[in-house]
Amino acid sequence: MSRFLKAASLSDLPPGAATLVEIEGKEVALFNQGGTVYALDNTCPHAGGPLAEGTVGEGKVECPWHGACFDLKTGASSSPLAPRGVRAYPVRVNGADVEIEL
């Protein structure tokens, strides 16, 4: 059964920031774009690049290694470099906590 788990504090993820968290053995990249928080699997399926270190803009994150792009809301790939998208996790802000559903 899925459940929401605390991943970070909102104060540690101001607008424009990204961070990597590990939760229940999963590496998850968190992004705060314009006050909305998104969560994606951190590993790019193209070559294993760390998405939390990527460039964020216009609702997408670009892998820092080879430029594959992924939609922040859905995790879908918009680049021929990545053979598939990455998992996107539901996110909620509960007071000062950022929680993701696993």
PDB file of N, CA and C in Angstrom:
ATOM      1  N   MET A   1       0.844  -1.186   0.000  1.00  0.00           N
ATOM      2  CA  MET A   1       0.000   0.000   0.000  1.00  0.00           C
ATOM      3  C   MET A   1       0.884   1.243   0.000  1.00  0.00           C
ATOM      4  N   SER A   2       0.564   2.201  -0.841  1.00  0.00           N
ATOM      5  CA  SER A   2       1.369   3.419  -0.907  1.00  0.00           C
ATOM      6  C   SER A   2       1.031   4.327   0.265  1.00  0.00           C
ATOM      7  N   ARG A   3       2.011   5.173   0.595  1.00  0.00           N
ATOM      8  CA  ARG A   3       1.838   6.118   1.693  1.00  0.00           C
ATOM      9  C   ARG A   3       2.753   7.320   1.468  1.00  0.00           C
ATOM     10  N   PHE A   4       2.403   8.453   2.052  1.00  0.00           N
ATOM     11  CA  PHE A   4       3.237   9.638   1.969  1.00  0.00           C
ATOM     12  C   PHE A   4       4.276   9.601   3.086  1.00  0.00           C
ATOM     13  N   LEU A   5       5.522   9.883   2.709  1.00  0.00           N
ATOM     14  CA  LEU A   5       6.629   9.908   3.654  1.00  0.00           C
ATOM     15  C   LEU A   5       7.355  11.241   3.546  1.00  0.00           C
ATOM     16  N   LYS A   6       7.829  11.743   4.683  1.00  0.00           N
ATOM     17  CA  LYS A   6       8.581  12.995   4.665  1.00  0.00           C
ATOM     18  C   LYS A   6       9.876  12.800   3.895  1.00  0.00           C
ATOM     19  N   ALA A   7      10.109  13.708   2.948  1.00  0.00           N
ATOM     20  CA  ALA A   7      11.317  13.655   2.132  1.00  0.00           C
ATOM     21  C   ALA A   7      12.265  14.806   2.443  1.00  0.00           C
ATOM     22  N   ALA A   8      11.718  15.950   2.845  1.00  0.00           N
ATOM     23  CA  ALA A   8      12.526  17.143   3.099  1.00  0.00           C
ATOM     24  C   ALA A   8      11.690  18.163   3.846  1.00  0.00           C
ATOM     25  N   SER A   9      12.363  19.198   4.292  1.00  0.00           N
ATOM     26  CA  SER A   9      11.671  20.355   4.863  1.00  0.00           C
ATOM     27  C   SER A   9      11.557  21.411   3.770  1.00  0.00           C
ATOM     28  N   LEU A  10      10.424  22.070   3.717  1.00  0.00           N
ATOM     29  CA  LEU A  10      10.202  23.089   2.691  1.00  0.00           C
ATOM     30  C   LEU A  10      11.249  24.192   2.785  1.00  0.00           C
ATOM     31  N   SER A  11      11.716  24.493   3.984  1.00  0.00           N
ATOM     32  CA  SER A  11      12.726  25.541   4.154  1.00  0.00           C
ATOM     33  C   SER A  11      14.059  25.169   3.500  1.00  0.00           C
ATOM     34  N   ASP A  12      14.294  23.867   3.283  1.00  0.00           N
ATOM     35  CA  ASP A  12      15.524  23.412   2.627  1.00  0.00           C
ATOM     36  C   ASP A  12      15.392  23.350   1.112  1.00  0.00           C
ATOM     37  N   LEU A  13      14.211  23.704   0.598  1.00  0.00           N
ATOM     38  CA  LEU A  13      13.954  23.612  -0.844  1.00  0.00           C
ATOM     39  C   LEU A  13      13.232  24.882  -1.321  1.00  0.00           C
ATOM     40  N   PRO A  14      13.929  26.026  -1.301  1.00  0.00           N
ATOM     41  CA  PRO A  14      13.287  27.272  -1.738  1.00  0.00           C
ATOM     42  C   PRO A  14      13.000  27.252  -3.239  1.00  0.00           C
ATOM     43  N   PRO A  15      12.125  28.126  -3.723  1.00  0.00           N
ATOM     44  CA  PRO A  15      11.848  28.186  -5.156  1.00  0.00           C
ATOM     45  C   PRO A  15      13.142  28.292  -5.975  1.00  0.00           C
ATOM     46  N   GLY A  16      13.214  27.488  -7.019  1.00  0.00           N
ATOM     47  CA  GLY A  16      14.392  27.453  -7.878  1.00  0.00           C
ATOM     48  C   GLY A  16      15.425  26.411  -7.473  1.00  0.00           C
ATOM     49  N   ALA A  17      15.227  25.788  -6.325  1.00  0.00           N
ATOM     50  CA  ALA A  17      16.206  24.823  -5.823  1.00  0.00           C
ATOM     51  C   ALA A  17      15.858  23.396  -6.239  1.00  0.00           C
ATOM     52  N   ALA A  18      16.882  22.561  -6.211  1.00  0.00           N
ATOM     53  CA  ALA A  18      16.733  21.122  -6.418  1.00  0.00           C
ATOM     54  C   ALA A  18      17.608  20.430  -5.388  1.00  0.00           C
ATOM     55  N   THR A  19      17.207  19.234  -4.990  1.00  0.00           N
ATOM     56  CA  THR A  19      18.008  18.474  -4.036  1.00  0.00           C
ATOM     57  C   THR A  19      17.775  16.987  -4.235  1.00  0.00           C
ATOM     58  N   LEU A  20      18.712  16.220  -3.774  1.00  0.00           N
ATOM     59  CA  LEU A  20      18.616  14.769  -3.812  1.00  0.00           C
ATOM     60  C   LEU A  20      18.293  14.266  -2.422  1.00  0.00           C
ATOM     61  N   VAL A  21      17.321  13.376  -2.327  1.00  0.00           N
ATOM     62  CA  VAL A  21      17.011  12.724  -1.057  1.00  0.00           C
ATOM     63  C   VAL A  21      17.001  11.223  -1.278  1.00  0.00           C
ATOM     64  N   GLU A  22      17.290  10.495  -0.229  1.00  0.00           N
ATOM     65  CA  GLU A  22      17.154   9.046  -0.283  1.00  0.00           C
ATOM     66  C   GLU A  22      16.063   8.669   0.700  1.00  0.00           C
ATOM     67  N   ILE A  23      15.088   7.940   0.205  1.00  0.00           N
ATOM     68  CA  ILE A  23      13.962   7.557   1.031  1.00  0.00           C
ATOM     69  C   ILE A  23      13.608   6.104   0.719  1.00  0.00           C
ATOM     70  N   GLU A  24      13.661   5.302   1.739  1.00  0.00           N
ATOM     71  CA  GLU A  24      13.420   3.867   1.609  1.00  0.00           C
ATOM     72  C   GLU A  24      14.245   3.234   0.487  1.00  0.00           C
ATOM     73  N   GLY A  25      15.518   3.614   0.423  1.00  0.00           N
ATOM     74  CA  GLY A  25      16.434   3.031  -0.553  1.00  0.00           C
ATOM     75  C   GLY A  25      16.330   3.590  -1.957  1.00  0.00           C
ATOM     76  N   LYS A  26      15.471   4.575  -2.168  1.00  0.00           N
ATOM     77  CA  LYS A  26      15.304   5.174  -3.494  1.00  0.00           C
ATOM     78  C   LYS A  26      15.935   6.565  -3.514  1.00  0.00           C
ATOM     79  N   GLU A  27      16.681   6.854  -4.584  1.00  0.00           N
ATOM     80  CA  GLU A  27      17.197   8.204  -4.777  1.00  0.00           C
ATOM     81  C   GLU A  27      16.151   9.003  -5.541  1.00  0.00           C
ATOM     82  N   VAL A  28      15.674  10.078  -4.920  1.00  0.00           N
ATOM     83  CA  VAL A  28      14.616  10.902  -5.496  1.00  0.00           C
ATOM     84  C   VAL A  28      15.113  12.333  -5.613  1.00  0.00           C
ATOM     85  N   ALA A  29      14.936  12.913  -6.785  1.00  0.00           N
ATOM     86  CA  ALA A  29      15.283  14.311  -7.024  1.00  0.00           C
ATOM     87  C   ALA A  29      14.052  15.161  -6.739  1.00  0.00           C
ATOM     88  N   LEU A  30      14.198  16.165  -5.894  1.00  0.00           N
ATOM     89  CA  LEU A  30      13.127  17.107  -5.590  1.00  0.00           C
ATOM     90  C   LEU A  30      13.445  18.439  -6.252  1.00  0.00           C
ATOM     91  N   PHE A  31      12.432  19.048  -6.843  1.00  0.00           N
ATOM     92  CA  PHE A  31      12.582  20.328  -7.531  1.00  0.00           C
ATOM     93  C   PHE A  31      11.481  21.270  -7.064  1.00  0.00           C
ATOM     94  N   ASN A  32      11.838  22.506  -6.753  1.00  0.00           N
ATOM     95  CA  ASN A  32      10.850  23.528  -6.426  1.00  0.00           C
ATOM     96  C   ASN A  32      10.878  24.535  -7.562  1.00  0.00           C
ATOM     97  N   GLN A  33       9.867  24.475  -8.397  1.00  0.00           N
ATOM     98  CA  GLN A  33       9.777  25.412  -9.514  1.00  0.00           C
ATOM     99  C   GLN A  33       8.577  26.312  -9.283  1.00  0.00           C
ATOM    100  N   GLY A  34       8.865  27.569  -8.997  1.00  0.00           N
ATOM    101  CA  GLY A  34       7.818  28.555  -8.796  1.00  0.00           C
ATOM    102  C   GLY A  34       6.917  28.260  -7.614  1.00  0.00           C
ATOM    103  N   GLY A  35       7.447  27.587  -6.596  1.00  0.00           N
ATOM    104  CA  GLY A  35       6.661  27.275  -5.411  1.00  0.00           C
ATOM    105  C   GLY A  35       5.944  25.934  -5.465  1.00  0.00           C
ATOM    106  N   THR A  36       6.016  25.241  -6.596  1.00  0.00           N
ATOM    107  CA  THR A  36       5.446  23.903  -6.721  1.00  0.00           C
ATOM    108  C   THR A  36       6.585  22.895  -6.652  1.00  0.00           C
ATOM    109  N   VAL A  37       6.418  21.875  -5.815  1.00  0.00           N
ATOM    110  CA  VAL A  37       7.469  20.874  -5.635  1.00  0.00           C
ATOM    111  C   VAL A  37       7.136  19.633  -6.456  1.00  0.00           C
ATOM    112  N   TYR A  38       8.157  19.128  -7.146  1.00  0.00           N
ATOM    113  CA  TYR A  38       8.045  17.928  -7.969  1.00  0.00           C
ATOM    114  C   TYR A  38       9.075  16.911  -7.490  1.00  0.00           C
ATOM    115  N   ALA A  39       8.785  15.631  -7.720  1.00  0.00           N
ATOM    116  CA  ALA A  39       9.707  14.562  -7.332  1.00  0.00           C
ATOM    117  C   ALA A  39       9.813  13.547  -8.466  1.00  0.00           C
ATOM    118  N   LEU A  40      11.056  13.240  -8.848  1.00  0.00           N
ATOM    119  CA  LEU A  40      11.336  12.273  -9.909  1.00  0.00           C
ATOM    120  C   LEU A  40      12.423  11.316  -9.441  1.00  0.00           C
ATOM    121  N   ASP A  41      12.431  10.104 -10.017  1.00  0.00           N
ATOM    122  CA  ASP A  41      13.596   9.246  -9.817  1.00  0.00           C
ATOM    123  C   ASP A  41      14.810  10.050 -10.242  1.00  0.00           C
ATOM    124  N   ASN A  42      15.910   9.907  -9.508  1.00  0.00           N
ATOM    125  CA  ASN A  42      17.081  10.728  -9.758  1.00  0.00           C
ATOM    126  C   ASN A  42      17.928  10.266 -10.938  1.00  0.00           C
ATOM    127  N   THR A  43      17.809   9.026 -11.351  1.00  0.00           N
ATOM    128  CA  THR A  43      18.727   8.475 -12.336  1.00  0.00           C
ATOM    129  C   THR A  43      18.172   8.542 -13.760  1.00  0.00           C
ATOM    130  N   CYS A  44      18.897   9.224 -14.631  1.00  0.00           N
ATOM    131  CA  CYS A  44      18.524   9.312 -16.043  1.00  0.00           C
ATOM    132  C   CYS A  44      18.676   7.932 -16.681  1.00  0.00           C
ATOM    133  N   PRO A  45      17.657   7.461 -17.404  1.00  0.00           N
ATOM    134  CA  PRO A  45      17.748   6.141 -18.017  1.00  0.00           C
ATOM    135  C   PRO A  45      18.705   6.077 -19.217  1.00  0.00           C
ATOM    136  N   HIS A  46      19.154   7.223 -19.709  1.00  0.00           N
ATOM    137  CA  HIS A  46      20.072   7.227 -20.855  1.00  0.00           C
ATOM    138  C   HIS A  46      21.457   6.726 -20.443  1.00  0.00           C
ATOM    139  N   ALA A  47      22.054   7.370 -19.449  1.00  0.00           N
ATOM    140  CA  ALA A  47      23.416   6.994 -19.051  1.00  0.00           C
ATOM    141  C   ALA A  47      23.631   7.094 -17.547  1.00  0.00           C
ATOM    142  N   GLY A  48      22.545   7.178 -16.777  1.00  0.00           N
ATOM    143  CA  GLY A  48      22.661   7.181 -15.321  1.00  0.00           C
ATOM    144  C   GLY A  48      22.984   8.508 -14.689  1.00  0.00           C
ATOM    145  N   GLY A  49      22.823   9.594 -15.421  1.00  0.00           N
ATOM    146  CA  GLY A  49      23.125  10.920 -14.881  1.00  0.00           C
ATOM    147  C   GLY A  49      22.219  11.295 -13.718  1.00  0.00           C
ATOM    148  N   PRO A  50      22.724  12.145 -12.799  1.00  0.00           N
ATOM    149  CA  PRO A  50      21.964  12.569 -11.623  1.00  0.00           C
ATOM    150  C   PRO A  50      21.036  13.748 -11.941  1.00  0.00           C
ATOM    151  N   LEU A  51      19.752  13.502 -12.049  1.00  0.00           N
ATOM    152  CA  LEU A  51      18.809  14.561 -12.443  1.00  0.00           C
ATOM    153  C   LEU A  51      18.744  15.702 -11.431  1.00  0.00           C
ATOM    154  N   ALA A  52      19.004  15.431 -10.159  1.00  0.00           N
ATOM    155  CA  ALA A  52      18.975  16.498  -9.148  1.00  0.00           C
ATOM    156  C   ALA A  52      20.024  17.572  -9.441  1.00  0.00           C
ATOM    157  N   GLU A  53      21.030  17.241 -10.240  1.00  0.00           N
ATOM    158  CA  GLU A  53      22.079  18.202 -10.600  1.00  0.00           C
ATOM    159  C   GLU A  53      21.811  18.856 -11.950  1.00  0.00           C
ATOM    160  N   GLY A  54      20.663  18.549 -12.545  1.00  0.00           N
ATOM    161  CA  GLY A  54      20.334  19.058 -13.862  1.00  0.00           C
ATOM    162  C   GLY A  54      19.832  20.488 -13.861  1.00  0.00           C
ATOM    163  N   THR A  55      19.661  21.017 -15.057  1.00  0.00           N
ATOM    164  CA  THR A  55      19.135  22.364 -15.252  1.00  0.00           C
ATOM    165  C   THR A  55      17.618  22.287 -15.351  1.00  0.00           C
ATOM    166  N   VAL A  56      16.948  23.138 -14.584  1.00  0.00           N
ATOM    167  CA  VAL A  56      15.491  23.142 -14.543  1.00  0.00           C
ATOM    168  C   VAL A  56      14.961  24.405 -15.196  1.00  0.00           C
ATOM    169  N   GLY A  57      13.924  24.230 -16.019  1.00  0.00           N
ATOM    170  CA  GLY A  57      13.279  25.377 -16.642  1.00  0.00           C
ATOM    171  C   GLY A  57      12.108  24.928 -17.486  1.00  0.00           C
ATOM    172  N   GLU A  58      11.093  25.766 -17.542  1.00  0.00           N
ATOM    173  CA  GLU A  58       9.911  25.531 -18.370  1.00  0.00           C
ATOM    174  C   GLU A  58       9.277  24.168 -18.120  1.00  0.00           C
ATOM    175  N   GLY A  59       9.234  23.765 -16.855  1.00  0.00           N
ATOM    176  CA  GLY A  59       8.559  22.519 -16.490  1.00  0.00           C
ATOM    177  C   GLY A  59       9.337  21.261 -16.791  1.00  0.00           C
ATOM    178  N   LYS A  60      10.640  21.395 -17.078  1.00  0.00           N
ATOM    179  CA  LYS A  60      11.460  20.234 -17.408  1.00  0.00           C
ATOM    180  C   LYS A  60      12.785  20.293 -16.664  1.00  0.00           C
ATOM    181  N   VAL A  61      13.408  19.124 -16.536  1.00  0.00           N
ATOM    182  CA  VAL A  61      14.783  19.047 -16.039  1.00  0.00           C
ATOM    183  C   VAL A  61      15.624  18.411 -17.132  1.00  0.00           C
ATOM    184  N   GLU A  62      16.804  18.984 -17.343  1.00  0.00           N
ATOM    185  CA  GLU A  62      17.740  18.470 -18.341  1.00  0.00           C
ATOM    186  C   GLU A  62      18.879  17.753 -17.627  1.00  0.00           C
ATOM    187  N   CYS A  63      19.125  16.514 -17.999  1.00  0.00           N
ATOM    188  CA  CYS A  63      20.200  15.739 -17.407  1.00  0.00           C
ATOM    189  C   CYS A  63      21.533  16.458 -17.621  1.00  0.00           C
ATOM    190  N   PRO A  64      22.352  16.568 -16.561  1.00  0.00           N
ATOM    191  CA  PRO A  64      23.618  17.284 -16.698  1.00  0.00           C
ATOM    192  C   PRO A  64      24.675  16.547 -17.519  1.00  0.00           C
ATOM    193  N   TRP A  65      24.486  15.271 -17.777  1.00  0.00           N
ATOM    194  CA  TRP A  65      25.517  14.512 -18.500  1.00  0.00           C
ATOM    195  C   TRP A  65      25.372  14.590 -20.013  1.00  0.00           C
ATOM    196  N   HIS A  66      24.155  14.394 -20.521  1.00  0.00           N
ATOM    197  CA  HIS A  66      24.006  14.340 -21.975  1.00  0.00           C
ATOM    198  C   HIS A  66      22.810  15.118 -22.511  1.00  0.00           C
ATOM    199  N   GLY A  67      22.093  15.829 -21.650  1.00  0.00           N
ATOM    200  CA  GLY A  67      21.035  16.712 -22.120  1.00  0.00           C
ATOM    201  C   GLY A  67      19.661  16.104 -22.332  1.00  0.00           C
ATOM    202  N   ALA A  68      19.446  14.858 -21.929  1.00  0.00           N
ATOM    203  CA  ALA A  68      18.092  14.295 -22.032  1.00  0.00           C
ATOM    204  C   ALA A  68      17.168  15.098 -21.117  1.00  0.00           C
ATOM    205  N   CYS A  69      15.929  15.333 -21.564  1.00  0.00           N
ATOM    206  CA  CYS A  69      14.988  16.161 -20.805  1.00  0.00           C
ATOM    207  C   CYS A  69      13.784  15.348 -20.339  1.00  0.00           C
ATOM    208  N   PHE A  70      13.291  15.711 -19.141  1.00  0.00           N
ATOM    209  CA  PHE A  70      12.164  15.011 -18.529  1.00  0.00           C
ATOM    210  C   PHE A  70      11.176  16.012 -17.964  1.00  0.00           C
ATOM    211  N   ASP A  71       9.903  15.741 -18.168  1.00  0.00           N
ATOM    212  CA  ASP A  71       8.822  16.570 -17.652  1.00  0.00           C
ATOM    213  C   ASP A  71       8.774  16.450 -16.130  1.00  0.00           C
ATOM    214  N   LEU A  72       8.742  17.582 -15.436  1.00  0.00           N
ATOM    215  CA  LEU A  72       8.714  17.549 -13.977  1.00  0.00           C
ATOM    216  C   LEU A  72       7.430  16.939 -13.418  1.00  0.00           C
ATOM    217  N   LYS A  73       6.304  17.123 -14.104  1.00  0.00           N
ATOM    218  CA  LYS A  73       5.025  16.606 -13.604  1.00  0.00           C
ATOM    219  C   LYS A  73       4.878  15.109 -13.833  1.00  0.00           C
ATOM    220  N   THR A  74       5.284  14.646 -15.010  1.00  0.00           N
ATOM    221  CA  THR A  74       4.999  13.261 -15.392  1.00  0.00           C
ATOM    222  C   THR A  74       6.224  12.351 -15.455  1.00  0.00           C
ATOM    223  N   GLY A  75       7.403  12.937 -15.569  1.00  0.00           N
ATOM    224  CA  GLY A  75       8.623  12.159 -15.736  1.00  0.00           C
ATOM    225  C   GLY A  75       8.859  11.713 -17.164  1.00  0.00           C
ATOM    226  N   ALA A  76       7.953  12.049 -18.078  1.00  0.00           N
ATOM    227  CA  ALA A  76       8.068  11.627 -19.478  1.00  0.00           C
ATOM    228  C   ALA A  76       9.311  12.237 -20.125  1.00  0.00           C
ATOM    229  N   SER A  77       9.954  11.439 -20.962  1.00  0.00           N
ATOM    230  CA  SER A  77      11.113  11.906 -21.709  1.00  0.00           C
ATOM    231  C   SER A  77      10.646  12.716 -22.913  1.00  0.00           C
ATOM    232  N   SER A  78      11.323  13.829 -23.161  1.00  0.00           N
ATOM    233  CA  SER A  78      11.029  14.619 -24.357  1.00  0.00           C
ATOM    234  C   SER A  78      12.276  14.698 -25.231  1.00  0.00           C
ATOM    235  N   SER A  79      13.130  13.694 -25.099  1.00  0.00           N
ATOM    236  CA  SER A  79      14.386  13.674 -25.824  1.00  0.00           C
ATOM    237  C   SER A  79      14.632  12.293 -26.399  1.00  0.00           C
ATOM    238  N   PRO A  80      15.103  12.214 -27.631  1.00  0.00           N
ATOM    239  CA  PRO A  80      15.407  10.899 -28.198  1.00  0.00           C
ATOM    240  C   PRO A  80      16.586  10.216 -27.495  1.00  0.00           C
ATOM    241  N   LEU A  81      17.346  10.960 -26.692  1.00  0.00           N
ATOM    242  CA  LEU A  81      18.465  10.365 -25.969  1.00  0.00           C
ATOM    243  C   LEU A  81      18.006   9.366 -24.900  1.00  0.00           C
ATOM    244  N   ALA A  82      16.876   9.651 -24.270  1.00  0.00           N
ATOM    245  CA  ALA A  82      16.382   8.790 -23.193  1.00  0.00           C
ATOM    246  C   ALA A  82      15.342   7.833 -23.763  1.00  0.00           C
ATOM    247  N   PRO A  83      15.552   6.539 -23.645  1.00  0.00           N
ATOM    248  CA  PRO A  83      14.634   5.564 -24.218  1.00  0.00           C
ATOM    249  C   PRO A  83      13.273   5.516 -23.526  1.00  0.00           C
ATOM    250  N   ARG A  84      13.219   6.019 -22.314  1.00  0.00           N
ATOM    251  CA  ARG A  84      11.966   6.043 -21.546  1.00  0.00           C
ATOM    252  C   ARG A  84      12.048   7.166 -20.525  1.00  0.00           C
ATOM    253  N   GLY A  85      10.918   7.456 -19.922  1.00  0.00           N
ATOM    254  CA  GLY A  85      10.875   8.469 -18.889  1.00  0.00           C
ATOM    255  C   GLY A  85      11.343   7.920 -17.548  1.00  0.00           C
ATOM    256  N   VAL A  86      11.180   8.731 -16.525  1.00  0.00           N
ATOM    257  CA  VAL A  86      11.492   8.334 -15.157  1.00  0.00           C
ATOM    258  C   VAL A  86      10.217   8.408 -14.330  1.00  0.00           C
ATOM    259  N   ARG A  87      10.215   7.735 -13.209  1.00  0.00           N
ATOM    260  CA  ARG A  87       9.039   7.744 -12.345  1.00  0.00           C
ATOM    261  C   ARG A  87       8.867   9.111 -11.700  1.00  0.00           C
ATOM    262  N   ALA A  88       7.652   9.613 -11.755  1.00  0.00           N
ATOM    263  CA  ALA A  88       7.275  10.841 -11.051  1.00  0.00           C
ATOM    264  C   ALA A  88       6.460  10.431  -9.829  1.00  0.00           C
ATOM    265  N   TYR A  89       6.747  11.048  -8.700  1.00  0.00           N
ATOM    266  CA  TYR A  89       6.056  10.721  -7.459  1.00  0.00           C
ATOM    267  C   TYR A  89       5.065  11.820  -7.090  1.00  0.00           C
ATOM    268  N   PRO A  90       3.887  11.455  -6.600  1.00  0.00           N
ATOM    269  CA  PRO A  90       2.980  12.466  -6.064  1.00  0.00           C
ATOM    270  C   PRO A  90       3.649  13.164  -4.869  1.00  0.00           C
ATOM    271  N   VAL A  91       3.458  14.467  -4.800  1.00  0.00           N
ATOM    272  CA  VAL A  91       4.065  15.284  -3.744  1.00  0.00           C
ATOM    273  C   VAL A  91       2.973  16.067  -3.045  1.00  0.00           C
ATOM    274  N   ARG A  92       3.125  16.211  -1.740  1.00  0.00           N
ATOM    275  CA  ARG A  92       2.269  17.139  -1.007  1.00  0.00           C
ATOM    276  C   ARG A  92       3.126  17.875   0.015  1.00  0.00           C
ATOM    277  N   VAL A  93       2.726  19.098   0.286  1.00  0.00           N
ATOM    278  CA  VAL A  93       3.365  19.891   1.325  1.00  0.00           C
ATOM    279  C   VAL A  93       2.425  19.865   2.514  1.00  0.00           C
ATOM    280  N   ASN A  94       2.932  19.368   3.626  1.00  0.00           N
ATOM    281  CA  ASN A  94       2.160  19.211   4.850  1.00  0.00           C
ATOM    282  C   ASN A  94       2.802  20.083   5.916  1.00  0.00           C
ATOM    283  N   GLY A  95       2.287  21.300   6.047  1.00  0.00           N
ATOM    284  CA  GLY A  95       2.922  22.257   6.957  1.00  0.00           C
ATOM    285  C   GLY A  95       4.267  22.650   6.388  1.00  0.00           C
ATOM    286  N   ALA A  96       5.340  22.341   7.139  1.00  0.00           N
ATOM    287  CA  ALA A  96       6.705  22.647   6.700  1.00  0.00           C
ATOM    288  C   ALA A  96       7.386  21.466   6.037  1.00  0.00           C
ATOM    289  N   ASP A  97       6.680  20.351   5.901  1.00  0.00           N
ATOM    290  CA  ASP A  97       7.274  19.128   5.355  1.00  0.00           C
ATOM    291  C   ASP A  97       6.879  18.892   3.900  1.00  0.00           C
ATOM    292  N   VAL A  98       7.869  18.452   3.128  1.00  0.00           N
ATOM    293  CA  VAL A  98       7.610  17.978   1.759  1.00  0.00           C
ATOM    294  C   VAL A  98       7.518  16.462   1.859  1.00  0.00           C
ATOM    295  N   GLU A  99       6.391  15.919   1.419  1.00  0.00           N
ATOM    296  CA  GLU A  99       6.163  14.473   1.495  1.00  0.00           C
ATOM    297  C   GLU A  99       5.947  13.929   0.096  1.00  0.00           C
ATOM    298  N   ILE A 100       6.475  12.714  -0.134  1.00  0.00           N
ATOM    299  CA  ILE A 100       6.241  12.049  -1.409  1.00  0.00           C
ATOM    300  C   ILE A 100       5.542  10.728  -1.143  1.00  0.00           C
ATOM    301  N   GLU A 101       4.758  10.314  -2.132  1.00  0.00           N
ATOM    302  CA  GLU A 101       4.020   9.066  -2.003  1.00  0.00           C
ATOM    303  C   GLU A 101       4.824   7.930  -2.626  1.00  0.00           C
ATOM    304  N   LEU A 102       5.089   6.929  -1.815  1.00  0.00           N
ATOM    305  CA  LEU A 102       5.779   5.726  -2.298  1.00  0.00           C
ATOM    306  C   LEU A 102       4.834   4.565  -2.270  1.00  0.00           C
TER     307      LEU A 102
END
